[in-house]
């Protein structure tokens, strides 16, 4: 399941939180220790017990223990071709926008380094249909539950002109979503290797819930600079790295001469909401339901896949 540089812990799920804390305390200095996000006060990780439609029992146990699994050879080149055409079009617009910005930068996006083509499902029928593919519906059933919506989608292209890593972060560290435990499907549109910026994941820390992040310019929100339990998750074109919204992860620099392309689709339980406010001053002041009909459409209702509405 993991890349050649990876090893899987043999720890049983029972007592994982205690094991994680002991390993972290032994490896890191007190100043490097992770802290929970101020709004993360009552989180408990929920293990997955099946029955499963797409993943195996072993994969479910790895996901609960390590926070991610790698599914190889899921989509064929023919299935991906219209998706790549769609994300290429969205990314081209993002790149054109960056070309008009000071220094070619906007937030954490940078021309020649990394671009984010947001919400392909809003404008590209191929992306919209792909987001409701039976593979994702099954994985969502297995790892989220019977009622699931698409939460977020974006094409992320790592460019070779300006190689740089992405920081160690949790997806829930950018926007605090409740319930915290949702799902990211990182689809490789090209081979994702150690050389061109494949994902790396820190095992076990997802079971603590959302962690405190700090902003590092120009990289983005970061938990820590490095961690001893980090493993690489290379994946071939057409494969998926499936990880929790709570799994600390990054992608390395692209040191090749070709663009590394990924399409990232995130799924959350129906009823999920994004919290807004300043965590340093107290509880969230605003709750925004994650049910935008244009892009956060249902993919499962009552355990049954839902046909996505075509673009009008």
Protein backbone atom coordinates (compact mmCIF):
# COMPACT_ATOMS: atom_id res chain seq x y z
CA UNK A 1 0.00 0.00 0.00
CA UNK A 2 2.82 2.42 0.79
CA UNK A 3 5.79 3.65 -1.18
CA UNK A 4 9.22 1.99 -1.01
CA UNK A 5 10.45 4.44 1.60
CA UNK A 6 7.51 3.72 3.89
CA UNK A 7 6.95 1.32 6.74
CA UNK A 8 3.64 0.59 8.41
CA UNK A 9 3.28 0.53 12.18
CA UNK A 10 2.06 -2.78 13.60
CA UNK A 11 0.34 -1.07 16.53
CA UNK A 12 -3.22 -2.21 17.10
CA UNK A 13 -5.97 0.44 16.93
CA UNK A 14 -6.72 0.06 20.65
CA UNK A 15 -4.66 2.59 22.56
CA UNK A 16 -3.38 4.31 19.43
CA UNK A 17 -3.76 7.78 20.97
CA UNK A 18 -1.50 6.83 23.88
CA UNK A 19 1.06 5.28 21.53
CA UNK A 20 1.07 8.40 19.34
CA UNK A 21 1.63 10.68 22.31
CA UNK A 22 4.49 8.53 23.66
CA UNK A 23 6.22 8.30 20.29
CA UNK A 24 5.87 12.02 19.67
CA UNK A 25 7.14 12.97 23.13
CA UNK A 26 10.17 10.73 22.71
CA UNK A 27 11.08 12.12 19.30
CA UNK A 28 10.40 15.84 19.61
CA UNK A 29 11.48 18.57 21.97
CA UNK A 30 8.79 20.25 24.12
CA UNK A 31 8.85 23.36 21.95
CA UNK A 32 7.94 21.21 18.91
CA UNK A 33 5.03 19.41 20.56
CA UNK A 34 1.69 19.63 18.77
CA UNK A 35 -1.28 21.37 20.34
CA UNK A 36 -4.95 20.94 19.58
CA UNK A 37 -6.82 23.69 17.77
CA UNK A 38 -8.73 25.86 20.29
CA UNK A 39 -12.05 24.76 18.79
CA UNK A 40 -11.05 21.08 19.01
CA UNK A 41 -12.30 20.40 22.53
CA UNK A 42 -14.29 17.17 22.42
CA UNK A 43 -13.05 15.21 19.40
CA UNK A 44 -12.95 11.41 19.43
CA UNK A 45 -11.85 9.47 16.36
CA UNK A 46 -14.48 6.97 15.19
CA UNK A 47 -13.06 3.69 13.84
CA UNK A 48 -14.62 2.05 10.79
CA UNK A 49 -16.26 -1.35 11.18
CA UNK A 50 -17.96 -2.06 7.85
CA UNK A 51 -19.56 -3.60 5.98
CA UNK A 52 -17.35 -2.25 3.19
CA UNK A 53 -18.17 -1.83 -0.49
CA UNK A 54 -14.85 -0.75 -1.96
CA UNK A 55 -12.04 -1.03 0.57
CA UNK A 56 -10.95 -4.13 2.48
CA UNK A 57 -10.95 -4.73 6.22
CA UNK A 58 -7.15 -4.42 6.23
CA UNK A 59 -7.36 -1.10 4.40
CA UNK A 60 -9.96 0.17 6.86
CA UNK A 61 -7.71 -0.79 9.77
CA UNK A 62 -4.74 0.96 8.13
CA UNK A 63 -6.84 4.07 7.56
CA UNK A 64 -7.88 4.16 11.22
CA UNK A 65 -4.31 3.52 12.40
CA UNK A 66 -2.27 5.60 9.94
CA UNK A 67 -4.80 8.11 8.60
CA UNK A 68 -4.47 7.17 4.93
CA UNK A 69 -4.49 4.41 2.34
CA UNK A 70 -3.28 4.25 -1.27
CA UNK A 71 -5.57 2.77 -3.91
CA UNK A 72 -3.58 1.96 -7.05
CA UNK A 73 -4.81 1.61 -10.64
CA UNK A 74 -8.34 2.83 -9.95
CA UNK A 75 -9.01 4.80 -13.15
CA UNK A 76 -7.94 4.03 -16.70
CA UNK A 77 -6.33 6.53 -19.06
CA UNK A 78 -9.59 6.68 -21.01
CA UNK A 79 -11.53 7.55 -17.85
CA UNK A 80 -9.03 10.24 -16.90
CA UNK A 81 -8.67 11.88 -20.34
CA UNK A 82 -11.82 14.08 -20.11
CA UNK A 83 -11.04 14.89 -16.47
CA UNK A 84 -7.53 16.04 -17.36
CA UNK A 85 -8.89 18.14 -20.22
CA UNK A 86 -11.31 19.75 -17.76
CA UNK A 87 -8.72 20.43 -15.05
CA UNK A 88 -6.24 21.71 -17.64
CA UNK A 89 -8.81 24.32 -18.69
CA UNK A 90 -9.50 25.37 -15.09
CA UNK A 91 -5.78 25.49 -14.30
CA UNK A 92 -5.07 27.60 -17.39
CA UNK A 93 -7.50 30.22 -16.08
CA UNK A 94 -5.81 30.13 -12.66
CA UNK A 95 -2.39 30.52 -14.27
CA UNK A 96 -3.61 33.45 -16.38
CA UNK A 97 -4.96 35.11 -13.24
CA UNK A 98 -1.59 34.70 -11.49
CA UNK A 99 0.22 36.23 -14.45
CA UNK A 100 -1.51 39.53 -13.66
CA UNK A 101 -0.63 39.48 -9.96
CA UNK A 102 2.39 41.12 -8.34
CA UNK A 103 5.23 38.60 -8.53
CA UNK A 104 2.86 36.04 -10.04
CA UNK A 105 1.57 35.24 -6.56
CA UNK A 106 -1.81 35.19 -4.87
CA UNK A 107 -2.06 33.78 -1.35
CA UNK A 108 -0.18 30.44 -1.44
CA UNK A 109 -0.42 30.05 -5.24
CA UNK A 110 2.59 31.07 -7.33
CA UNK A 111 3.03 30.99 -11.09
CA UNK A 112 5.69 28.46 -12.00
CA UNK A 113 5.50 26.79 -8.58
CA UNK A 114 2.00 25.66 -7.64
CA UNK A 115 -1.45 26.55 -8.91
CA UNK A 116 -4.91 25.83 -7.54
CA UNK A 117 -7.77 25.54 -10.01
CA UNK A 118 -10.81 25.88 -7.77
CA UNK A 119 -14.15 24.15 -8.19
CA UNK A 120 -13.91 22.43 -11.59
CA UNK A 121 -17.36 20.91 -10.89
CA UNK A 122 -18.92 24.37 -11.27
CA UNK A 123 -17.89 24.77 -14.90
CA UNK A 124 -16.77 21.36 -16.23
CA UNK A 125 -19.27 18.56 -16.80
CA UNK A 126 -16.49 15.96 -16.92
CA UNK A 127 -15.32 16.98 -13.46
CA UNK A 128 -18.88 17.01 -12.16
CA UNK A 129 -19.57 13.50 -13.39
CA UNK A 130 -16.21 12.27 -12.10
CA UNK A 131 -16.92 13.60 -8.59
CA UNK A 132 -19.95 11.29 -8.43
CA UNK A 133 -18.09 8.25 -9.81
CA UNK A 134 -19.10 4.96 -8.14
CA UNK A 135 -15.57 4.60 -6.75
CA UNK A 136 -15.95 7.78 -4.69
CA UNK A 137 -19.50 6.89 -3.68
CA UNK A 138 -18.28 3.53 -2.38
CA UNK A 139 -15.25 4.96 -0.56
CA UNK A 140 -17.48 7.61 1.01
CA UNK A 141 -19.90 4.90 2.15
CA UNK A 142 -17.01 2.96 3.70
CA UNK A 143 -15.23 5.86 5.42
CA UNK A 144 -17.90 8.54 6.02
CA UNK A 145 -21.38 7.06 6.14
CA UNK A 146 -24.69 6.82 4.27
CA UNK A 147 -25.30 10.54 3.61
CA UNK A 148 -22.43 12.40 1.96
CA UNK A 149 -21.87 15.58 -0.07
CA UNK A 150 -18.95 16.79 -2.11
CA UNK A 151 -17.35 19.41 0.11
CA UNK A 152 -14.52 20.86 -2.00
CA UNK A 153 -12.69 20.18 -5.26
CA UNK A 154 -9.59 21.68 -6.84
CA UNK A 155 -6.94 20.88 -9.43
CA UNK A 156 -3.45 21.29 -7.95
CA UNK A 157 -0.56 21.46 -10.41
CA UNK A 158 3.05 21.41 -9.19
CA UNK A 159 5.25 23.20 -11.71
CA UNK A 160 8.94 22.46 -12.30
CA UNK A 161 10.16 26.06 -12.73
CA UNK A 162 10.15 26.93 -9.02
CA UNK A 163 10.40 23.75 -6.94
CA UNK A 164 9.09 24.13 -3.41
CA UNK A 165 7.43 21.94 -0.86
CA UNK A 166 4.01 22.47 0.59
CA UNK A 167 3.89 22.73 4.41
CA UNK A 168 2.79 20.10 6.90
CA UNK A 169 -0.90 20.80 7.42
CA UNK A 170 -4.30 19.25 7.93
CA UNK A 171 -7.08 20.10 5.51
CA UNK A 172 -9.22 20.99 8.52
CA UNK A 173 -6.48 23.41 9.58
CA UNK A 174 -7.33 25.75 6.70
CA UNK A 175 -11.08 25.88 7.31
CA UNK A 176 -12.39 24.35 10.52
CA UNK A 177 -15.21 22.03 9.49
CA UNK A 178 -17.52 20.22 11.87
CA UNK A 179 -17.72 17.28 12.08
CA UNK A 180 -13.95 17.33 11.84
CA UNK A 181 -13.59 13.82 10.40
CA UNK A 182 -14.18 14.14 6.64
CA UNK A 183 -12.34 12.70 3.63
CA UNK A 184 -9.82 13.78 1.00
CA UNK A 185 -9.34 11.81 -2.24
CA UNK A 186 -6.06 12.88 -3.90
CA UNK A 187 -6.35 11.63 -7.49
CA UNK A 188 -3.11 11.34 -9.47
CA UNK A 189 -3.64 12.68 -12.99
CA UNK A 190 0.04 11.96 -13.68
CA UNK A 191 2.37 9.64 -11.80
CA UNK A 192 3.10 11.18 -8.40
CA UNK A 193 6.64 10.28 -7.34
CA UNK A 194 9.22 11.26 -4.75
CA UNK A 195 10.83 13.44 -7.42
CA UNK A 196 7.79 15.40 -8.61
CA UNK A 197 5.88 16.07 -5.40
CA UNK A 198 3.90 13.06 -4.20
CA UNK A 199 2.06 13.29 -0.88
CA UNK A 200 3.72 12.52 2.44
CA UNK A 201 1.65 11.77 5.53
CA UNK A 202 2.36 11.70 9.27
CA UNK A 203 0.77 8.57 10.70
CA UNK A 204 -1.42 8.52 13.79
CA UNK A 205 -1.85 12.21 14.59
CA UNK A 206 -5.25 12.30 12.86
CA UNK A 207 -6.68 10.63 15.96
CA UNK A 208 -6.08 13.84 17.94
CA UNK A 209 -8.45 15.90 15.79
CA UNK A 210 -7.62 19.33 14.39
CA UNK A 211 -4.23 20.67 15.50
CA UNK A 212 -2.97 24.21 15.96
CA UNK A 213 -1.40 25.70 12.82
CA UNK A 214 0.69 28.83 12.23
CA UNK A 215 1.11 30.74 8.98
CA UNK A 216 4.45 30.58 7.13
CA UNK A 217 4.78 32.97 4.17
CA UNK A 218 4.64 32.04 1.30
CA UNK A 219 4.03 28.37 2.06
CA UNK A 220 0.76 28.54 3.98
CA UNK A 221 -0.55 27.10 7.25
CA UNK A 222 1.87 24.75 8.98
CA UNK A 223 1.81 22.48 12.07
CA UNK A 224 5.54 21.66 12.24
CA UNK A 225 8.58 21.68 9.96
CA UNK A 226 9.20 17.93 10.11
CA UNK A 227 8.12 14.80 11.94
CA UNK A 228 9.78 11.40 12.53
CA UNK A 229 6.64 9.42 11.62
CA UNK A 230 6.29 10.91 8.15
CA UNK A 231 6.02 8.45 5.25
CA UNK A 232 5.84 8.99 1.50
CA UNK A 233 2.76 7.93 -0.45
CA UNK A 234 3.76 7.80 -4.12
CA UNK A 235 0.95 6.75 -6.45
CA UNK A 236 0.70 6.03 -10.14
CA UNK A 237 -1.51 7.84 -12.60
CA UNK A 238 -5.10 6.82 -11.98
CA UNK A 239 -4.53 5.96 -8.33
CA UNK A 240 -5.90 7.69 -5.24
CA UNK A 241 -4.30 8.63 -1.94
CA UNK A 242 -7.26 8.57 0.44
CA UNK A 243 -6.65 10.38 3.71
CA UNK A 244 -8.50 12.00 6.55
CA UNK A 245 -9.11 15.71 6.74
CA UNK A 246 -7.16 15.37 10.01
CA UNK A 247 -4.04 13.66 8.62
CA UNK A 248 -1.00 15.97 8.61
CA UNK A 249 0.39 15.87 5.09
CA UNK A 250 2.47 17.76 2.54
CA UNK A 251 3.67 17.38 -1.02
CA UNK A 252 7.34 17.66 -1.85
CA UNK A 253 8.98 19.88 -4.48
CA UNK A 254 8.76 19.01 -8.16
CA UNK A 255 12.38 18.56 -9.27
CA UNK A 256 11.54 17.05 -12.65
CA UNK A 257 10.97 18.80 -15.96
CA UNK A 258 7.25 18.01 -16.18
CA UNK A 259 4.11 19.24 -14.41
CA UNK A 260 2.71 17.01 -11.67
CA UNK A 261 -1.08 17.08 -11.87
CA UNK A 262 -3.58 16.09 -9.18
CA UNK A 263 -7.32 16.48 -8.78
CA UNK A 264 -8.37 16.71 -5.14
CA UNK A 265 -11.94 15.89 -4.14
CA UNK A 266 -13.12 16.21 -0.55
CA UNK A 267 -16.30 14.67 0.83
CA UNK A 268 -18.09 15.42 4.09
CA UNK A 269 -21.14 14.09 5.92
CA UNK A 270 -24.40 15.76 5.00
CA UNK A 271 -24.97 18.51 7.57
CA UNK A 272 -21.29 19.49 7.83
CA UNK A 273 -20.55 23.18 8.31
CA UNK A 274 -17.55 25.50 8.18
CA UNK A 275 -16.89 27.51 11.32
CA UNK A 276 -15.73 31.13 11.05
CA UNK A 277 -14.15 33.43 13.59
CA UNK A 278 -10.91 34.01 15.47
CA UNK A 279 -9.97 30.90 17.47
CA UNK A 280 -7.65 32.94 19.69
CA UNK A 281 -10.54 35.00 21.02
CA UNK A 282 -13.12 32.32 21.72
CA UNK A 283 -15.73 30.10 20.06
CA UNK A 284 -16.66 30.37 16.40
CA UNK A 285 -18.96 33.27 15.60
CA UNK A 286 -20.45 31.91 12.39
CA UNK A 287 -21.48 28.52 11.01
CA UNK A 288 -21.78 28.12 7.23
CA UNK A 289 -23.54 24.94 6.04
CA UNK A 290 -21.58 23.03 3.40
CA UNK A 291 -24.48 22.64 1.00
CA UNK A 292 -23.87 25.05 -1.87
CA UNK A 293 -26.11 23.49 -4.55
CA UNK A 294 -23.72 24.42 -7.36
CA UNK A 295 -20.69 22.53 -6.06
CA UNK A 296 -21.50 20.78 -2.76
CA UNK A 297 -24.05 18.35 -4.14
CA UNK A 298 -25.05 14.99 -2.61
CA UNK A 299 -23.20 11.87 -3.74
CA UNK A 300 -24.88 9.46 -1.28
CA UNK A 301 -28.34 9.62 0.24
CA UNK A 302 -29.42 6.81 2.54
CA UNK A 303 -26.43 4.79 1.35
CA UNK A 304 -27.48 5.02 -2.30
CA UNK A 305 -25.47 6.82 -4.98
CA UNK A 306 -27.06 9.98 -6.36
CA UNK A 307 -26.95 10.99 -10.02
CA UNK A 308 -25.39 14.42 -10.23
CA UNK A 309 -27.39 17.19 -11.91
CA UNK A 310 -25.81 18.22 -15.25
CA UNK A 311 -24.60 21.74 -15.73
CA UNK A 312 -27.36 24.00 -17.00
